[in-house]
């Protein structure tokens, strides 16, 4: 049923992109927050745990970025291509809002 609704709305294939983008944004936030927490931590044990979590978040960000690049959802090295993807996504979102 979901596939039928996605096709009618012109969003077939968009679900993966939306999920991946949300996940990428979340991992970027995790990297930023863990880095801040690491600079504020005072015990070696806390720093070790935060470094481990930071490494995990950076690794997750890399994997998600690569997935998105391979799928054509993310073009970090080409602003024009990324703009095209973003415009297409924006138009689809506006279509849903109508």
Protein backbone atom coordinates (compact mmCIF):
# COMPACT_ATOMS: atom_id res chain seq x y z
CA UNK A 1 0.00 0.00 0.00
CA UNK A 2 2.80 2.42 0.85
CA UNK A 3 4.42 1.91 -2.57
CA UNK A 4 1.16 2.81 -4.30
CA UNK A 5 0.82 6.01 -2.27
CA UNK A 6 4.45 6.92 -2.97
CA UNK A 7 3.97 6.42 -6.72
CA UNK A 8 0.79 8.48 -6.76
CA UNK A 9 2.51 11.31 -4.88
CA UNK A 10 5.58 11.08 -7.13
CA UNK A 11 7.77 10.00 -4.26
CA UNK A 12 8.79 6.48 -5.23
CA UNK A 13 12.34 6.02 -3.98
CA UNK A 14 12.23 9.15 -1.84
CA UNK A 15 11.74 7.27 1.42
CA UNK A 16 15.29 5.91 1.45
CA UNK A 17 16.66 9.36 0.73
CA UNK A 18 14.65 10.97 3.52
CA UNK A 19 15.67 8.33 6.04
CA UNK A 20 19.34 8.47 5.01
CA UNK A 21 19.36 12.28 5.15
CA UNK A 22 17.80 12.29 8.60
CA UNK A 23 20.30 9.69 9.78
CA UNK A 24 23.21 11.71 8.33
CA UNK A 25 22.04 14.87 10.07
CA UNK A 26 21.69 12.94 13.33
CA UNK A 27 25.20 11.55 13.10
CA UNK A 28 26.61 15.01 12.36
CA UNK A 29 24.87 16.26 15.46
CA UNK A 30 26.24 13.34 17.48
CA UNK A 31 29.80 14.09 16.31
CA UNK A 32 29.41 17.74 17.28
CA UNK A 33 27.86 16.96 20.67
CA UNK A 34 30.36 14.24 21.53
CA UNK A 35 33.25 16.52 20.61
CA UNK A 36 31.89 19.21 22.90
CA UNK A 37 31.33 16.70 25.71
CA UNK A 38 34.85 15.36 25.26
CA UNK A 39 36.37 18.81 25.71
CA UNK A 40 34.30 19.30 28.88
CA UNK A 41 35.01 15.93 30.48
CA UNK A 42 37.39 15.81 33.42
CA UNK A 43 38.06 12.14 34.07
CA UNK A 44 40.17 9.86 31.89
CA UNK A 45 37.43 7.21 32.02
CA UNK A 46 34.81 9.62 30.72
CA UNK A 47 37.14 10.80 27.95
CA UNK A 48 37.82 7.19 26.92
CA UNK A 49 34.11 6.43 26.67
CA UNK A 50 33.41 9.64 24.75
CA UNK A 51 36.31 9.02 22.35
CA UNK A 52 34.98 5.53 21.66
CA UNK A 53 31.50 6.92 20.99
CA UNK A 54 32.96 9.70 18.84
CA UNK A 55 34.86 7.15 16.75
CA UNK A 56 31.65 5.18 16.31
CA UNK A 57 29.72 8.30 15.25
CA UNK A 58 32.42 9.32 12.76
CA UNK A 59 32.42 5.82 11.29
CA UNK A 60 28.62 5.86 11.02
CA UNK A 61 28.76 9.26 9.31
CA UNK A 62 31.26 7.93 6.76
CA UNK A 63 29.13 4.87 5.99
CA UNK A 64 25.94 6.89 5.62
CA UNK A 65 27.71 9.49 3.44
CA UNK A 66 29.10 6.78 1.17
CA UNK A 67 25.68 5.13 0.88
CA UNK A 68 24.09 8.45 -0.04
CA UNK A 69 26.83 9.27 -2.56
CA UNK A 70 26.46 5.86 -4.21
CA UNK A 71 22.68 6.31 -4.44
CA UNK A 72 23.03 9.84 -5.84
CA UNK A 73 21.36 11.47 -2.84
CA UNK A 74 24.41 13.40 -1.67
CA UNK A 75 27.04 15.31 -3.65
CA UNK A 76 29.42 16.88 -1.11
CA UNK A 77 31.99 17.77 -3.76
CA UNK A 78 29.63 19.22 -6.35
CA UNK A 79 27.43 22.09 -5.23
CA UNK A 80 25.46 22.28 -8.50
CA UNK A 81 24.50 18.60 -8.40
CA UNK A 82 23.58 18.86 -4.71
CA UNK A 83 21.43 21.89 -5.46
CA UNK A 84 19.54 19.90 -8.12
CA UNK A 85 18.90 17.07 -5.64
CA UNK A 86 17.78 19.54 -2.96
CA UNK A 87 15.44 21.36 -5.36
CA UNK A 88 13.88 18.07 -6.48
CA UNK A 89 13.37 17.06 -2.85
CA UNK A 90 11.89 20.47 -1.99
CA UNK A 91 9.45 20.28 -4.90
CA UNK A 92 8.35 16.83 -3.78
CA UNK A 93 7.78 18.10 -0.24
CA UNK A 94 5.75 21.04 -1.53
CA UNK A 95 3.69 18.65 -3.63
CA UNK A 96 2.81 16.72 -0.48
CA UNK A 97 1.79 19.88 1.34
CA UNK A 98 -0.87 20.73 -1.25
